[in-house]
Amino acid sequence: MESRDPSLTSTSLAEKVAFLGRADSYGATGPVIYRETHMSWVFLAGSEAYKLKKPLRLPYLDFSTLEHRRAACEAELSLNRRLAPDVYKHLTPLTRSGGRYGLGGAGEVVDWLVVMRRLDESASLERLLLAGTLTVRQLDAVITTLAGFYRRARRVGIPPDALMARWQANLTDTRRILLNPRLGLPAGLVLRLDGLQRLLLQEHQAAIRSRARFTVDGHGDLRPEHIWPGPPVHIIDCLEFNALLRAVDPLDEMAFFALECERLGGKTLAGHVKRRAAAELPGGYCEAAFGFYRRYRAMLRARLAIAHLLDPHPRTPEKWLRLALCYLTLASDQ
């Protein structure tokens, strides 16, 4: 269940957003572009981007206090420097003095922001895929960067029994949300895909259990909108708020990456990701595990999309059913 810091009212959050949305708050000459995500507000001002975390408490994160938000900002800075060291610059306090907000300087610290170098959105992997202009060379650069990252990443010890229990619990959570009658998804399709996932998990149990030893502290959210193929390659926005969600088999992350390439029109490129993953990933390649991961990720993305409609006031509600159905279609196509 979502909750907020009782000392941080919606009015004070709105005041912060209003202040950070003004160009004069940064000494900028041009307009500030700002966007709301499920967990943050992001403000694009001049050559920099500023991220303000919402004061939320959810089952998988806790931003409910000033101290928790600062710790999350520090973790975001540290963890994302692994794949984008020159993008994540520093933290800056949001202060208040005499009833007025300021960035840094004197006054009471009322929040923290992550300051980043602003990247050209038109050069993101998502935009290049949608435009049909992504080259194999650019894709190879991303895969090579990720393979090196996984080789250096901290290993996470997960016993095979615990891994299998985690998969079963994840499948159950996904099925429960996708079958919520309020959300309007086709129950027959959901049940068929869920049954297939469970069958695959049982039939390929030995192969999937064997992947436990390759689990690393990875990225956790390897979507094309978080990737710039460069040169140089930059990959941003890892899941800094939950180490368990970052504990992944690199092959799982690459299966998700291939799925997202396919969703955005790059089916041939998705096949290339699969072939290069087989050649470069530490821990090698397993077709049974890759197939399970790909379908699981499609079901999970459908769940995360449609769950927005359970929010009291969902943003862009018209898009979530369409996106969830897109992912369910991809889960059906193996």
C-alpha atoms as a PDB file:
ATOM      1  CA  MET A   1       0.000   0.000   0.000  1.00  0.00           C
ATOM      2  CA  GLU A   2       1.262   3.497  -0.880  1.00  0.00           C
ATOM      3  CA  SER A   3       1.847   5.940   1.950  1.00  0.00           C
ATOM      4  CA  ARG A   4       3.474   9.333   2.320  1.00  0.00           C
ATOM      5  CA  ASP A   5       5.480  11.127   4.949  1.00  0.00           C
ATOM      6  CA  PRO A   6       2.774  12.766   7.092  1.00  0.00           C
ATOM      7  CA  SER A   7       5.023  15.771   7.610  1.00  0.00           C
ATOM      8  CA  LEU A   8       5.251  16.347   3.844  1.00  0.00           C
ATOM      9  CA  THR A   9       1.828  17.362   2.603  1.00  0.00           C
ATOM     10  CA  SER A  10       0.718  17.330  -1.009  1.00  0.00           C
ATOM     11  CA  THR A  11       0.745  21.124  -0.807  1.00  0.00           C
ATOM     12  CA  SER A  12       4.427  21.267   0.148  1.00  0.00           C
ATOM     13  CA  LEU A  13       5.324  18.755  -2.579  1.00  0.00           C
ATOM     14  CA  ALA A  14       3.427  20.893  -5.087  1.00  0.00           C
ATOM     15  CA  GLU A  15       5.362  23.942  -3.863  1.00  0.00           C
ATOM     16  CA  LYS A  16       8.667  22.130  -4.433  1.00  0.00           C
ATOM     17  CA  VAL A  17       7.626  21.061  -7.926  1.00  0.00           C
ATOM     18  CA  ALA A  18       6.518  24.620  -8.733  1.00  0.00           C
ATOM     19  CA  PHE A  19       9.853  26.033  -7.547  1.00  0.00           C
ATOM     20  CA  LEU A  20      11.907  23.453  -9.434  1.00  0.00           C
ATOM     21  CA  GLY A  21       9.842  24.038 -12.563  1.00  0.00           C
ATOM     22  CA  ARG A  22      10.969  27.689 -12.797  1.00  0.00           C
ATOM     23  CA  ALA A  23      14.006  28.676 -14.868  1.00  0.00           C
ATOM     24  CA  ASP A  24      15.104  31.307 -12.348  1.00  0.00           C
ATOM     25  CA  SER A  25      15.535  28.580  -9.713  1.00  0.00           C
ATOM     26  CA  TYR A  26      18.610  27.415 -11.648  1.00  0.00           C
ATOM     27  CA  GLY A  27      19.708  30.687 -13.206  1.00  0.00           C
ATOM     28  CA  ALA A  28      18.720  29.161 -16.524  1.00  0.00           C
ATOM     29  CA  THR A  29      17.709  31.264 -19.514  1.00  0.00           C
ATOM     30  CA  GLY A  30      15.566  28.742 -21.328  1.00  0.00           C
ATOM     31  CA  PRO A  31      12.406  26.953 -20.166  1.00  0.00           C
ATOM     32  CA  VAL A  32      12.546  24.060 -17.714  1.00  0.00           C
ATOM     33  CA  ILE A  33      11.044  20.793 -18.939  1.00  0.00           C
ATOM     34  CA  TYR A  34       9.723  18.644 -16.139  1.00  0.00           C
ATOM     35  CA  ARG A  35       8.140  15.224 -16.062  1.00  0.00           C
ATOM     36  CA  GLU A  36       6.473  13.076 -13.457  1.00  0.00           C
ATOM     37  CA  THR A  37       7.242   9.386 -13.105  1.00  0.00           C
ATOM     38  CA  HIS A  38       5.711   6.912 -10.667  1.00  0.00           C
ATOM     39  CA  MET A  39       8.420   7.603  -8.080  1.00  0.00           C
ATOM     40  CA  SER A  40      10.039  10.924  -9.005  1.00  0.00           C
ATOM     41  CA  TRP A  41       9.908  14.298 -10.662  1.00  0.00           C
ATOM     42  CA  VAL A  42      12.645  15.040 -13.211  1.00  0.00           C
ATOM     43  CA  PHE A  43      13.525  18.626 -14.179  1.00  0.00           C
ATOM     44  CA  LEU A  44      15.592  19.388 -17.304  1.00  0.00           C
ATOM     45  CA  ALA A  45      17.244  22.786 -16.953  1.00  0.00           C
ATOM     46  CA  GLY A  46      19.961  23.900 -19.328  1.00  0.00           C
ATOM     47  CA  SER A  47      22.697  21.272 -19.517  1.00  0.00           C
ATOM     48  CA  GLU A  48      21.605  19.440 -16.355  1.00  0.00           C
ATOM     49  CA  ALA A  49      18.822  17.201 -15.084  1.00  0.00           C
ATOM     50  CA  TYR A  50      17.574  17.212 -11.480  1.00  0.00           C
ATOM     51  CA  LYS A  51      15.653  14.332  -9.920  1.00  0.00           C
ATOM     52  CA  LEU A  52      13.388  14.779  -6.884  1.00  0.00           C
ATOM     53  CA  LYS A  53      12.060  11.608  -5.279  1.00  0.00           C
ATOM     54  CA  LYS A  54       8.436  11.503  -4.174  1.00  0.00           C
ATOM     55  CA  PRO A  55       7.800  10.887  -0.447  1.00  0.00           C
ATOM     56  CA  LEU A  56       6.377   7.392  -0.996  1.00  0.00           C
ATOM     57  CA  ARG A  57       6.408   4.106   0.865  1.00  0.00           C
ATOM     58  CA  LEU A  58       5.667   1.092  -1.330  1.00  0.00           C
ATOM     59  CA  PRO A  59       6.218  -2.640  -0.789  1.00  0.00           C
ATOM     60  CA  TYR A  60       9.527  -2.439  -2.679  1.00  0.00           C
ATOM     61  CA  LEU A  61      10.856   1.009  -1.643  1.00  0.00           C
ATOM     62  CA  ASP A  62      10.747   3.555   1.152  1.00  0.00           C
ATOM     63  CA  PHE A  63      11.158   7.253   0.311  1.00  0.00           C
ATOM     64  CA  SER A  64       8.843   8.300   3.131  1.00  0.00           C
ATOM     65  CA  THR A  65      11.334  10.370   5.163  1.00  0.00           C
ATOM     66  CA  LEU A  66      13.962  12.964   4.336  1.00  0.00           C
ATOM     67  CA  GLU A  67      16.687  10.598   5.603  1.00  0.00           C
ATOM     68  CA  HIS A  68      15.445   7.755   3.421  1.00  0.00           C
ATOM     69  CA  ARG A  69      15.300   9.977   0.360  1.00  0.00           C
ATOM     70  CA  ARG A  70      18.840  11.208   0.928  1.00  0.00           C
ATOM     71  CA  ALA A  71      20.090   7.612   1.299  1.00  0.00           C
ATOM     72  CA  ALA A  72      18.270   6.656  -1.915  1.00  0.00           C
ATOM     73  CA  CYS A  73      19.827   9.616  -3.736  1.00  0.00           C
ATOM     74  CA  GLU A  74      23.292   8.611  -2.519  1.00  0.00           C
ATOM     75  CA  ALA A  75      22.689   5.036  -3.677  1.00  0.00           C
ATOM     76  CA  GLU A  76      21.451   6.263  -7.056  1.00  0.00           C
ATOM     77  CA  LEU A  77      24.589   8.348  -7.521  1.00  0.00           C
ATOM     78  CA  SER A  78      26.946   5.531  -6.547  1.00  0.00           C
ATOM     79  CA  LEU A  79      25.264   2.660  -8.379  1.00  0.00           C
ATOM     80  CA  ASN A  80      24.610   4.510 -11.616  1.00  0.00           C
ATOM     81  CA  ARG A  81      28.202   5.668 -11.858  1.00  0.00           C
ATOM     82  CA  ARG A  82      29.011   2.028 -12.674  1.00  0.00           C
ATOM     83  CA  LEU A  83      27.548   2.467 -16.172  1.00  0.00           C
ATOM     84  CA  ALA A  84      27.388   6.260 -16.564  1.00  0.00           C
ATOM     85  CA  PRO A  85      30.253   7.729 -14.488  1.00  0.00           C
ATOM     86  CA  ASP A  86      30.295  11.098 -16.239  1.00  0.00           C
ATOM     87  CA  VAL A  87      26.506  11.551 -16.179  1.00  0.00           C
ATOM     88  CA  TYR A  88      25.816  11.328 -12.436  1.00  0.00           C
ATOM     89  CA  LYS A  89      27.423  14.461 -10.992  1.00  0.00           C
ATOM     90  CA  HIS A  90      26.470  15.066  -7.357  1.00  0.00           C
ATOM     91  CA  LEU A  91      23.646  15.638  -4.875  1.00  0.00           C
ATOM     92  CA  THR A  92      22.317  19.047  -3.982  1.00  0.00           C
ATOM     93  CA  PRO A  93      20.015  19.964  -1.093  1.00  0.00           C
ATOM     94  CA  LEU A  94      16.707  21.722  -1.608  1.00  0.00           C
ATOM     95  CA  THR A  95      16.569  24.304   1.167  1.00  0.00           C
ATOM     96  CA  ARG A  96      13.953  26.607   2.630  1.00  0.00           C
ATOM     97  CA  SER A  97      14.616  29.870   4.450  1.00  0.00           C
ATOM     98  CA  GLY A  98      12.211  32.693   5.239  1.00  0.00           C
ATOM     99  CA  GLY A  99       9.450  30.879   3.380  1.00  0.00           C
ATOM    100  CA  ARG A 100      11.496  30.657   0.174  1.00  0.00           C
ATOM    101  CA  TYR A 101      13.071  27.633  -1.495  1.00  0.00           C
ATOM    102  CA  GLY A 102      16.621  27.480  -2.815  1.00  0.00           C
ATOM    103  CA  LEU A 103      19.095  25.039  -4.346  1.00  0.00           C
ATOM    104  CA  GLY A 104      21.949  24.608  -1.887  1.00  0.00           C
ATOM    105  CA  GLY A 105      22.994  27.531   0.256  1.00  0.00           C
ATOM    106  CA  ALA A 106      21.731  28.402   3.710  1.00  0.00           C
ATOM    107  CA  GLY A 107      18.448  27.307   5.168  1.00  0.00           C
ATOM    108  CA  GLU A 108      16.720  24.165   6.343  1.00  0.00           C
ATOM    109  CA  VAL A 109      17.294  21.157   4.124  1.00  0.00           C
ATOM    110  CA  VAL A 110      13.833  19.977   3.086  1.00  0.00           C
ATOM    111  CA  ASP A 111      14.807  17.516   0.339  1.00  0.00           C
ATOM    112  CA  TRP A 112      17.625  16.193  -1.833  1.00  0.00           C
ATOM    113  CA  LEU A 113      18.093  16.074  -5.579  1.00  0.00           C
ATOM    114  CA  VAL A 114      20.340  13.995  -7.820  1.00  0.00           C
ATOM    115  CA  VAL A 115      22.085  16.243 -10.337  1.00  0.00           C
ATOM    116  CA  MET A 116      22.917  14.685 -13.703  1.00  0.00           C
ATOM    117  CA  ARG A 117      24.371  15.774 -16.999  1.00  0.00           C
ATOM    118  CA  ARG A 118      21.500  16.144 -19.424  1.00  0.00           C
ATOM    119  CA  LEU A 119      21.612  13.662 -22.291  1.00  0.00           C
ATOM    120  CA  ASP A 120      20.216  14.197 -25.777  1.00  0.00           C
ATOM    121  CA  GLU A 121      16.938  12.288 -25.741  1.00  0.00           C
ATOM    122  CA  SER A 122      16.913  11.977 -29.528  1.00  0.00           C
ATOM    123  CA  ALA A 123      20.045   9.819 -29.260  1.00  0.00           C
ATOM    124  CA  SER A 124      18.605   7.277 -26.801  1.00  0.00           C
ATOM    125  CA  LEU A 125      18.319   3.651 -27.859  1.00  0.00           C
ATOM    126  CA  GLU A 126      14.522   3.921 -27.619  1.00  0.00           C
ATOM    127  CA  ARG A 127      14.366   6.843 -30.067  1.00  0.00           C
ATOM    128  CA  LEU A 128      16.795   5.169 -32.456  1.00  0.00           C
ATOM    129  CA  LEU A 129      14.772   1.949 -32.423  1.00  0.00           C
ATOM    130  CA  LEU A 130      11.523   3.801 -33.050  1.00  0.00           C
ATOM    131  CA  ALA A 131      13.110   5.721 -35.908  1.00  0.00           C
ATOM    132  CA  GLY A 132      14.586   2.539 -37.369  1.00  0.00           C
ATOM    133  CA  THR A 133      18.083   4.071 -37.382  1.00  0.00           C
ATOM    134  CA  LEU A 134      19.852   1.964 -34.744  1.00  0.00           C
ATOM    135  CA  THR A 135      22.878   0.239 -36.257  1.00  0.00           C
ATOM    136  CA  VAL A 136      24.286  -3.178 -35.413  1.00  0.00           C
ATOM    137  CA  ARG A 137      27.549  -1.462 -34.479  1.00  0.00           C
ATOM    138  CA  GLN A 138      25.745   0.683 -31.883  1.00  0.00           C
ATOM    139  CA  LEU A 139      23.928  -2.361 -30.530  1.00  0.00           C
ATOM    140  CA  ASP A 140      27.195  -4.299 -30.293  1.00  0.00           C
ATOM    141  CA  ALA A 141      28.753  -1.448 -28.301  1.00  0.00           C
ATOM    142  CA  VAL A 142      25.925  -1.662 -25.755  1.00  0.00           C
ATOM    143  CA  ILE A 143      26.199  -5.455 -25.456  1.00  0.00           C
ATOM    144  CA  THR A 144      29.989  -5.326 -25.065  1.00  0.00           C
ATOM    145  CA  THR A 145      29.625  -2.657 -22.359  1.00  0.00           C
ATOM    146  CA  LEU A 146      27.056  -4.760 -20.512  1.00  0.00           C
ATOM    147  CA  ALA A 147      29.144  -7.935 -20.773  1.00  0.00           C
ATOM    148  CA  GLY A 148      32.096  -6.116 -19.199  1.00  0.00           C
ATOM    149  CA  PHE A 149      29.822  -4.703 -16.512  1.00  0.00           C
ATOM    150  CA  TYR A 150      28.519  -8.163 -15.608  1.00  0.00           C
ATOM    151  CA  ARG A 151      32.027  -9.555 -15.386  1.00  0.00           C
ATOM    152  CA  ARG A 152      32.954  -6.826 -12.883  1.00  0.00           C
ATOM    153  CA  ALA A 153      29.670  -6.801 -10.968  1.00  0.00           C
ATOM    154  CA  ARG A 154      29.447  -8.101  -7.430  1.00  0.00           C
ATOM    155  CA  ARG A 155      28.235 -11.701  -7.261  1.00  0.00           C
ATOM    156  CA  VAL A 156      25.075 -12.274  -5.225  1.00  0.00           C
ATOM    157  CA  GLY A 157      24.722 -15.619  -3.509  1.00  0.00           C
ATOM    158  CA  ILE A 158      21.244 -17.087  -4.044  1.00  0.00           C
ATOM    159  CA  PRO A 159      20.679 -20.753  -3.167  1.00  0.00           C
ATOM    160  CA  PRO A 160      18.897 -22.582  -6.006  1.00  0.00           C
ATOM    161  CA  ASP A 161      15.946 -23.496  -3.746  1.00  0.00           C
ATOM    162  CA  ALA A 162      15.498 -19.838  -2.806  1.00  0.00           C
ATOM    163  CA  LEU A 163      15.714 -18.852  -6.460  1.00  0.00           C
ATOM    164  CA  MET A 164      12.966 -21.304  -7.435  1.00  0.00           C
ATOM    165  CA  ALA A 165      10.756 -20.121  -4.573  1.00  0.00           C
ATOM    166  CA  ARG A 166      11.296 -16.550  -5.749  1.00  0.00           C
ATOM    167  CA  TRP A 167      10.222 -17.436  -9.283  1.00  0.00           C
ATOM    168  CA  GLN A 168       7.075 -19.176  -8.020  1.00  0.00           C
ATOM    169  CA  ALA A 169       6.169 -16.185  -5.848  1.00  0.00           C
ATOM    170  CA  ASN A 170       6.769 -13.761  -8.724  1.00  0.00           C
ATOM    171  CA  LEU A 171       4.574 -15.776 -11.066  1.00  0.00           C
ATOM    172  CA  THR A 172       1.794 -15.868  -8.477  1.00  0.00           C
ATOM    173  CA  ASP A 173       1.952 -12.097  -7.902  1.00  0.00           C
ATOM    174  CA  THR A 174       1.858 -11.424 -11.634  1.00  0.00           C
ATOM    175  CA  ARG A 175      -1.109 -13.735 -12.214  1.00  0.00           C
ATOM    176  CA  ARG A 176      -3.057 -12.182  -9.326  1.00  0.00           C
ATOM    177  CA  ILE A 177      -2.699  -8.652 -10.657  1.00  0.00           C
ATOM    178  CA  LEU A 178      -3.297  -9.528 -14.311  1.00  0.00           C
ATOM    179  CA  LEU A 179      -6.518 -11.367 -13.351  1.00  0.00           C
ATOM    180  CA  ASN A 180      -7.936  -8.451 -11.366  1.00  0.00           C
ATOM    181  CA  PRO A 181     -11.389  -8.045 -12.976  1.00  0.00           C
ATOM    182  CA  ARG A 182     -11.189  -4.254 -12.604  1.00  0.00           C
ATOM    183  CA  LEU A 183      -8.367  -4.116 -15.131  1.00  0.00           C
ATOM    184  CA  GLY A 184     -10.115  -5.655 -18.130  1.00  0.00           C
ATOM    185  CA  LEU A 185      -7.454  -8.056 -19.403  1.00  0.00           C
ATOM    186  CA  PRO A 186      -8.525 -11.305 -21.135  1.00  0.00           C
ATOM    187  CA  ALA A 187      -8.508 -13.876 -18.336  1.00  0.00           C
ATOM    188  CA  GLY A 188      -8.196 -16.840 -20.693  1.00  0.00           C
ATOM    189  CA  LEU A 189      -5.002 -15.476 -22.223  1.00  0.00           C
ATOM    190  CA  VAL A 190      -3.524 -14.655 -18.816  1.00  0.00           C
ATOM    191  CA  LEU A 191      -4.276 -18.142 -17.484  1.00  0.00           C
ATOM    192  CA  ARG A 192      -2.841 -19.816 -20.583  1.00  0.00           C
ATOM    193  CA  LEU A 193       0.412 -17.821 -20.372  1.00  0.00           C
ATOM    194  CA  ASP A 194       0.689 -18.339 -16.630  1.00  0.00           C
ATOM    195  CA  GLY A 195       0.219 -22.078 -17.069  1.00  0.00           C
ATOM    196  CA  LEU A 196       2.874 -22.152 -19.768  1.00  0.00           C
ATOM    197  CA  GLN A 197       5.332 -20.275 -17.545  1.00  0.00           C
ATOM    198  CA  ARG A 198       4.806 -22.722 -14.708  1.00  0.00           C
ATOM    199  CA  LEU A 199       5.209 -25.664 -17.070  1.00  0.00           C
ATOM    200  CA  LEU A 200       8.487 -24.230 -18.383  1.00  0.00           C
ATOM    201  CA  LEU A 201       9.713 -23.626 -14.852  1.00  0.00           C
ATOM    202  CA  GLN A 202       9.008 -27.257 -14.002  1.00  0.00           C
ATOM    203  CA  GLU A 203      10.327 -28.805 -17.226  1.00  0.00           C
ATOM    204  CA  HIS A 204      13.547 -26.749 -17.215  1.00  0.00           C
ATOM    205  CA  GLN A 205      14.020 -26.686 -13.465  1.00  0.00           C
ATOM    206  CA  ALA A 206      17.560 -28.045 -13.582  1.00  0.00           C
ATOM    207  CA  ALA A 207      18.688 -25.475 -16.158  1.00  0.00           C
ATOM    208  CA  ILE A 208      17.073 -22.554 -14.324  1.00  0.00           C
ATOM    209  CA  ARG A 209      18.390 -23.671 -10.927  1.00  0.00           C
ATOM    210  CA  SER A 210      21.887 -23.812 -12.399  1.00  0.00           C
ATOM    211  CA  ARG A 211      21.690 -20.095 -13.221  1.00  0.00           C
ATOM    212  CA  ALA A 212      21.646 -19.164  -9.519  1.00  0.00           C
ATOM    213  CA  ARG A 213      25.435 -19.146  -9.384  1.00  0.00           C
ATOM    214  CA  PHE A 214      25.613 -16.419 -12.061  1.00  0.00           C
ATOM    215  CA  THR A 215      23.437 -13.922 -10.174  1.00  0.00           C
ATOM    216  CA  VAL A 216      25.034 -10.474  -9.893  1.00  0.00           C
ATOM    217  CA  ASP A 217      24.163  -7.015  -8.599  1.00  0.00           C
ATOM    218  CA  GLY A 218      23.006  -5.818 -12.006  1.00  0.00           C
ATOM    219  CA  HIS A 219      20.961  -2.951 -13.412  1.00  0.00           C
ATOM    220  CA  GLY A 220      17.419  -4.201 -12.843  1.00  0.00           C
ATOM    221  CA  ASP A 221      15.574  -2.056 -15.427  1.00  0.00           C
ATOM    222  CA  LEU A 222      17.371  -2.402 -18.742  1.00  0.00           C
ATOM    223  CA  ARG A 223      14.903  -0.532 -20.951  1.00  0.00           C
ATOM    224  CA  PRO A 224      16.015   1.211 -24.167  1.00  0.00           C
ATOM    225  CA  GLU A 225      14.876   4.573 -22.771  1.00  0.00           C
ATOM    226  CA  HIS A 226      17.698   4.206 -20.215  1.00  0.00           C
ATOM    227  CA  ILE A 227      20.426   3.493 -22.791  1.00  0.00           C
ATOM    228  CA  TRP A 228      22.513   5.794 -24.994  1.00  0.00           C
ATOM    229  CA  PRO A 229      24.664   3.796 -27.442  1.00  0.00           C
ATOM    230  CA  GLY A 230      27.060   6.696 -27.935  1.00  0.00           C
ATOM    231  CA  PRO A 231      29.907   6.606 -28.310  1.00  0.00           C
ATOM    232  CA  PRO A 232      30.481   6.412 -25.440  1.00  0.00           C
ATOM    233  CA  VAL A 233      27.771   4.110 -24.123  1.00  0.00           C
ATOM    234  CA  HIS A 234      25.759   5.443 -21.181  1.00  0.00           C
ATOM    235  CA  ILE A 235      23.216   3.371 -19.243  1.00  0.00           C
ATOM    236  CA  ILE A 236      21.260   5.197 -16.536  1.00  0.00           C
ATOM    237  CA  ASP A 237      18.442   4.677 -14.007  1.00  0.00           C
ATOM    238  CA  CYS A 238      19.261   1.345 -12.381  1.00  0.00           C
ATOM    239  CA  LEU A 239      16.971   0.209  -9.555  1.00  0.00           C
ATOM    240  CA  GLU A 240      18.922   1.823  -6.756  1.00  0.00           C
ATOM    241  CA  PHE A 241      16.115   1.489  -4.217  1.00  0.00           C
ATOM    242  CA  ASN A 242      15.972  -2.298  -3.951  1.00  0.00           C
ATOM    243  CA  ALA A 243      18.995  -4.622  -4.061  1.00  0.00           C
ATOM    244  CA  LEU A 244      16.793  -7.712  -4.441  1.00  0.00           C
ATOM    245  CA  LEU A 245      15.330  -6.364  -7.699  1.00  0.00           C
ATOM    246  CA  ARG A 246      18.860  -5.770  -9.002  1.00  0.00           C
ATOM    247  CA  ALA A 247      19.982  -9.315  -8.142  1.00  0.00           C
ATOM    248  CA  VAL A 248      19.703 -10.884 -11.584  1.00  0.00           C
ATOM    249  CA  ASP A 249      21.198 -13.425 -13.929  1.00  0.00           C
ATOM    250  CA  PRO A 250      22.839 -11.374 -16.724  1.00  0.00           C
ATOM    251  CA  LEU A 251      21.070 -13.650 -19.199  1.00  0.00           C
ATOM    252  CA  ASP A 252      17.744 -12.523 -17.695  1.00  0.00           C
ATOM    253  CA  GLU A 253      18.633  -8.860 -18.265  1.00  0.00           C
ATOM    254  CA  MET A 254      19.669  -9.575 -21.849  1.00  0.00           C
ATOM    255  CA  ALA A 255      16.426 -11.457 -22.496  1.00  0.00           C
ATOM    256  CA  PHE A 256      14.564  -8.359 -21.265  1.00  0.00           C
ATOM    257  CA  PHE A 257      16.734  -6.139 -23.451  1.00  0.00           C
ATOM    258  CA  ALA A 258      15.974  -8.303 -26.497  1.00  0.00           C
ATOM    259  CA  LEU A 259      12.248  -8.226 -25.676  1.00  0.00           C
ATOM    260  CA  GLU A 260      12.254  -4.423 -25.516  1.00  0.00           C
ATOM    261  CA  CYS A 261      14.112  -4.160 -28.814  1.00  0.00           C
ATOM    262  CA  GLU A 262      11.450  -6.372 -30.375  1.00  0.00           C
ATOM    263  CA  ARG A 263       8.594  -4.341 -28.862  1.00  0.00           C
ATOM    264  CA  LEU A 264      10.009  -1.153 -30.365  1.00  0.00           C
ATOM    265  CA  GLY A 265      10.204  -2.586 -33.856  1.00  0.00           C
ATOM    266  CA  GLY A 266      13.628  -4.179 -33.868  1.00  0.00           C
ATOM    267  CA  LYS A 267      12.799  -7.887 -34.118  1.00  0.00           C
ATOM    268  CA  THR A 268      15.888  -8.604 -36.221  1.00  0.00           C
ATOM    269  CA  LEU A 269      18.014  -6.654 -33.753  1.00  0.00           C
ATOM    270  CA  ALA A 270      16.446  -8.636 -30.906  1.00  0.00           C
ATOM    271  CA  GLY A 271      17.741 -11.798 -32.543  1.00  0.00           C
ATOM    272  CA  HIS A 272      21.171 -10.197 -32.748  1.00  0.00           C
ATOM    273  CA  VAL A 273      21.064  -9.441 -29.011  1.00  0.00           C
ATOM    274  CA  LYS A 274      20.333 -13.102 -28.355  1.00  0.00           C
ATOM    275  CA  ARG A 275      23.221 -14.305 -30.517  1.00  0.00           C
ATOM    276  CA  ARG A 276      25.692 -11.847 -29.008  1.00  0.00           C
ATOM    277  CA  ALA A 277      24.518 -12.700 -25.480  1.00  0.00           C
ATOM    278  CA  ALA A 278      25.328 -16.320 -26.246  1.00  0.00           C
ATOM    279  CA  ALA A 279      28.850 -15.319 -27.295  1.00  0.00           C
ATOM    280  CA  GLU A 280      29.770 -12.696 -24.695  1.00  0.00           C
ATOM    281  CA  LEU A 281      27.951 -13.136 -21.401  1.00  0.00           C
ATOM    282  CA  PRO A 282      29.843 -14.457 -18.397  1.00  0.00           C
ATOM    283  CA  GLY A 283      28.176 -17.686 -17.367  1.00  0.00           C
ATOM    284  CA  GLY A 284      27.459 -18.656 -20.941  1.00  0.00           C
ATOM    285  CA  TYR A 285      24.120 -19.194 -22.616  1.00  0.00           C
ATOM    286  CA  CYS A 286      21.143 -21.456 -21.916  1.00  0.00           C
ATOM    287  CA  GLU A 287      18.279 -21.528 -24.425  1.00  0.00           C
ATOM    288  CA  ALA A 288      15.749 -22.890 -21.916  1.00  0.00           C
ATOM    289  CA  ALA A 289      16.546 -20.178 -19.373  1.00  0.00           C
ATOM    290  CA  PHE A 290      16.537 -17.420 -22.017  1.00  0.00           C
ATOM    291  CA  GLY A 291      13.095 -18.478 -23.240  1.00  0.00           C
ATOM    292  CA  PHE A 292      11.693 -18.587 -19.708  1.00  0.00           C
ATOM    293  CA  TYR A 293      13.208 -15.198 -18.863  1.00  0.00           C
ATOM    294  CA  ARG A 294      11.855 -13.563 -22.022  1.00  0.00           C
ATOM    295  CA  ARG A 295       8.282 -14.707 -21.413  1.00  0.00           C
ATOM    296  CA  TYR A 296       8.491 -13.877 -17.705  1.00  0.00           C
ATOM    297  CA  ARG A 297       9.696 -10.345 -18.480  1.00  0.00           C
ATOM    298  CA  ALA A 298       6.852  -9.816 -20.944  1.00  0.00           C
ATOM    299  CA  MET A 299       4.316 -10.903 -18.322  1.00  0.00           C
ATOM    300  CA  LEU A 300       5.966  -8.745 -15.673  1.00  0.00           C
ATOM    301  CA  ARG A 301       5.923  -5.669 -17.922  1.00  0.00           C
ATOM    302  CA  ALA A 302       2.239  -6.304 -18.626  1.00  0.00           C
ATOM    303  CA  ARG A 303       1.647  -6.444 -14.880  1.00  0.00           C
ATOM    304  CA  LEU A 304       3.594  -3.243 -14.192  1.00  0.00           C
ATOM    305  CA  ALA A 305       1.753  -1.425 -16.971  1.00  0.00           C
ATOM    306  CA  ILE A 306      -1.777  -2.439 -16.005  1.00  0.00           C
ATOM    307  CA  ALA A 307      -1.133  -1.906 -12.276  1.00  0.00           C
ATOM    308  CA  HIS A 308      -1.016   1.850 -12.956  1.00  0.00           C
ATOM    309  CA  LEU A 309      -4.799   1.675 -13.260  1.00  0.00           C
ATOM    310  CA  LEU A 310      -5.001   0.668  -9.601  1.00  0.00           C
ATOM    311  CA  ASP A 311      -3.593   4.055  -8.556  1.00  0.00           C
ATOM    312  CA  PRO A 312      -6.210   6.486  -7.211  1.00  0.00           C
ATOM    313  CA  HIS A 313      -5.357   8.992  -9.970  1.00  0.00           C
ATOM    314  CA  PRO A 314      -3.391   7.195 -12.699  1.00  0.00           C
ATOM    315  CA  ARG A 315      -1.359   9.297 -15.112  1.00  0.00           C
ATOM    316  CA  THR A 316      -2.140   8.773 -18.826  1.00  0.00           C
ATOM    317  CA  PRO A 317      -4.696   6.018 -18.045  1.00  0.00           C
ATOM    318  CA  GLU A 318      -5.483   5.507 -21.731  1.00  0.00           C
ATOM    319  CA  LYS A 319      -2.083   3.979 -22.479  1.00  0.00           C
ATOM    320  CA  TRP A 320      -1.783   1.248 -19.838  1.00  0.00           C
ATOM    321  CA  LEU A 321      -4.298  -1.315 -21.152  1.00  0.00           C
ATOM    322  CA  ARG A 322      -2.859  -0.960 -24.653  1.00  0.00           C
ATOM    323  CA  LEU A 323       0.689  -1.451 -23.391  1.00  0.00           C
ATOM    324  CA  ALA A 324      -0.236  -4.433 -21.207  1.00  0.00           C
ATOM    325  CA  LEU A 325      -1.915  -6.149 -24.172  1.00  0.00           C
ATOM    326  CA  CYS A 326       1.174  -5.493 -26.279  1.00  0.00           C
ATOM    327  CA  TYR A 327       3.340  -7.305 -23.733  1.00  0.00           C
ATOM    328  CA  LEU A 328       0.893 -10.200 -23.448  1.00  0.00           C
ATOM    329  CA  THR A 329       1.048 -10.576 -27.232  1.00  0.00           C
ATOM    330  CA  LEU A 330       4.843 -10.697 -27.031  1.00  0.00           C
ATOM    331  CA  ALA A 331       4.605 -13.316 -24.270  1.00  0.00           C
ATOM    332  CA  SER A 332       2.468 -15.426 -26.591  1.00  0.00           C
ATOM    333  CA  ASP A 333       5.043 -15.231 -29.395  1.00  0.00           C
ATOM    334  CA  GLN A 334       8.106 -17.303 -28.510  1.00  0.00           C
END
